[in-house]
Amino acid sequence: MPRALLVKWASAKVIGALHNQLFQQFLGESTLVTFAALLLGLFGAYLLIPAFNQLTDRDMTFVFLENPYALAGLIGIGVLVSLISGSYPAFYVVRLSANTRNER
């Protein structure tokens, strides 16, 4: 785990943050980063579809946002990825004590 993240966590623990608050913070940050990446990827795909159509001589359209099932699937995948990517650091950091040194 990066040292800056451990320092941030330790200072929050010293100030008096509860385990639940730290856990929610890690999951919230993970969710924010995951959905930002998802939106960036959708925007990139939207921009690149015309060039891909010209390259492959096909006529593909961008209908992810028009189809409710595709939109629900994208949101579901985003939630699943954010839970998986944020739960391990959250569980790991919540178990640590603020007064121990975690050196490699």
Protein backbone atom coordinates (compact mmCIF):
# COMPACT_ATOMS: atom_id res chain seq x y z
CA MET A 1 0.00 0.00 0.00
CA PRO A 2 1.43 3.42 -0.88
CA ARG A 3 2.94 5.35 2.00
CA ALA A 4 0.88 8.49 1.28
CA LEU A 5 -2.30 6.46 1.63
CA LEU A 6 -1.14 5.02 4.95
CA VAL A 7 -0.24 8.50 6.23
CA LYS A 8 -3.67 9.77 5.19
CA TRP A 9 -5.32 6.85 6.95
CA ALA A 10 -3.21 7.19 10.12
CA SER A 11 -3.93 10.89 10.42
CA ALA A 12 -7.66 10.20 10.05
CA LYS A 13 -7.42 7.53 12.76
CA VAL A 14 -5.54 9.88 15.12
CA ILE A 15 -8.14 12.60 14.59
CA GLY A 16 -10.83 10.11 15.58
CA ALA A 17 -12.29 8.56 12.45
CA LEU A 18 -14.32 5.42 13.05
CA HIS A 19 -13.80 2.15 11.18
CA ASN A 20 -17.10 2.59 9.38
CA GLN A 21 -16.11 6.08 8.21
CA LEU A 22 -12.80 4.84 6.80
CA PHE A 23 -14.50 1.93 5.09
CA GLN A 24 -17.06 4.25 3.49
CA GLN A 25 -14.30 6.63 2.42
CA PHE A 26 -12.39 3.89 0.59
CA LEU A 27 -15.50 2.57 -1.12
CA GLY A 28 -16.57 6.10 -2.05
CA GLU A 29 -13.20 6.95 -3.57
CA SER A 30 -13.17 3.65 -5.46
CA THR A 31 -16.67 4.28 -6.80
CA LEU A 32 -15.76 7.80 -7.89
CA VAL A 33 -12.66 6.64 -9.77
CA THR A 34 -14.49 3.68 -11.34
CA PHE A 35 -17.36 5.76 -12.70
CA ALA A 36 -15.00 8.50 -13.90
CA ALA A 37 -13.09 5.85 -15.86
CA LEU A 38 -16.36 4.40 -17.18
CA LEU A 39 -17.53 7.80 -18.41
CA LEU A 40 -14.13 8.52 -19.96
CA GLY A 41 -14.22 5.16 -21.74
CA LEU A 42 -17.74 5.77 -23.05
CA PHE A 43 -16.75 9.21 -24.28
CA GLY A 44 -13.66 7.76 -26.00
CA ALA A 45 -15.74 5.06 -27.66
CA TYR A 46 -18.26 7.66 -28.81
CA LEU A 47 -15.49 9.71 -30.39
CA LEU A 48 -13.73 6.76 -32.03
CA ILE A 49 -16.74 4.98 -33.56
CA PRO A 50 -16.74 7.11 -36.76
CA ALA A 51 -13.04 6.36 -37.36
CA PHE A 52 -13.62 2.68 -36.64
CA ASN A 53 -16.56 2.63 -39.07
CA GLN A 54 -14.41 4.15 -41.78
CA LEU A 55 -11.55 1.74 -41.09
CA THR A 56 -13.72 -1.38 -41.14
CA ASP A 57 -16.20 -0.13 -43.77
CA ARG A 58 -19.18 -0.80 -41.47
CA ASP A 59 -21.92 1.29 -39.96
CA MET A 60 -21.87 0.86 -36.19
CA THR A 61 -23.78 3.21 -33.92
CA PHE A 62 -23.38 4.18 -30.28
CA VAL A 63 -26.60 3.05 -28.59
CA PHE A 64 -25.43 2.29 -25.05
CA LEU A 65 -27.25 5.24 -23.54
CA GLU A 66 -30.45 4.65 -25.53
CA ASN A 67 -30.87 1.00 -24.49
CA PRO A 68 -32.01 0.69 -20.84
CA TYR A 69 -30.60 -2.83 -20.50
CA ALA A 70 -27.16 -1.77 -21.71
CA LEU A 71 -27.23 1.24 -19.39
CA ALA A 72 -28.25 -0.95 -16.45
CA GLY A 73 -25.48 -3.39 -17.36
CA LEU A 74 -22.87 -0.63 -17.47
CA ILE A 75 -24.00 0.72 -14.11
CA GLY A 76 -24.02 -2.80 -12.65
CA ILE A 77 -20.51 -3.50 -13.90
CA GLY A 78 -19.35 -0.15 -12.51
CA VAL A 79 -20.81 -0.94 -9.08
CA LEU A 80 -19.32 -4.44 -9.09
CA VAL A 81 -15.86 -3.20 -10.08
CA SER A 82 -15.93 -0.42 -7.49
CA LEU A 83 -16.96 -2.85 -4.73
CA ILE A 84 -14.25 -5.32 -5.67
CA SER A 85 -11.52 -2.70 -6.09
CA GLY A 86 -12.41 -0.77 -2.94
CA SER A 87 -13.22 -3.54 -0.51
CA TYR A 88 -9.75 -5.06 -0.15
CA PRO A 89 -7.96 -1.78 0.71
CA ALA A 90 -10.85 -0.84 2.98
CA PHE A 91 -10.70 -4.14 4.89
CA TYR A 92 -6.91 -4.01 5.02
CA VAL A 93 -6.69 -0.45 6.34
CA VAL A 94 -9.53 -0.81 8.83
CA ARG A 95 -7.71 -3.73 10.48
CA LEU A 96 -4.45 -1.80 10.92
CA SER A 97 -3.63 0.06 14.08
CA ALA A 98 -2.58 3.70 13.89
CA ASN A 99 0.42 3.25 16.18
CA THR A 100 2.08 0.36 14.30
CA ARG A 101 4.65 0.89 11.61
CA ASN A 102 4.02 -0.99 8.42
CA GLU A 103 7.40 -1.29 6.80
CA ARG A 104 8.43 -3.69 4.08
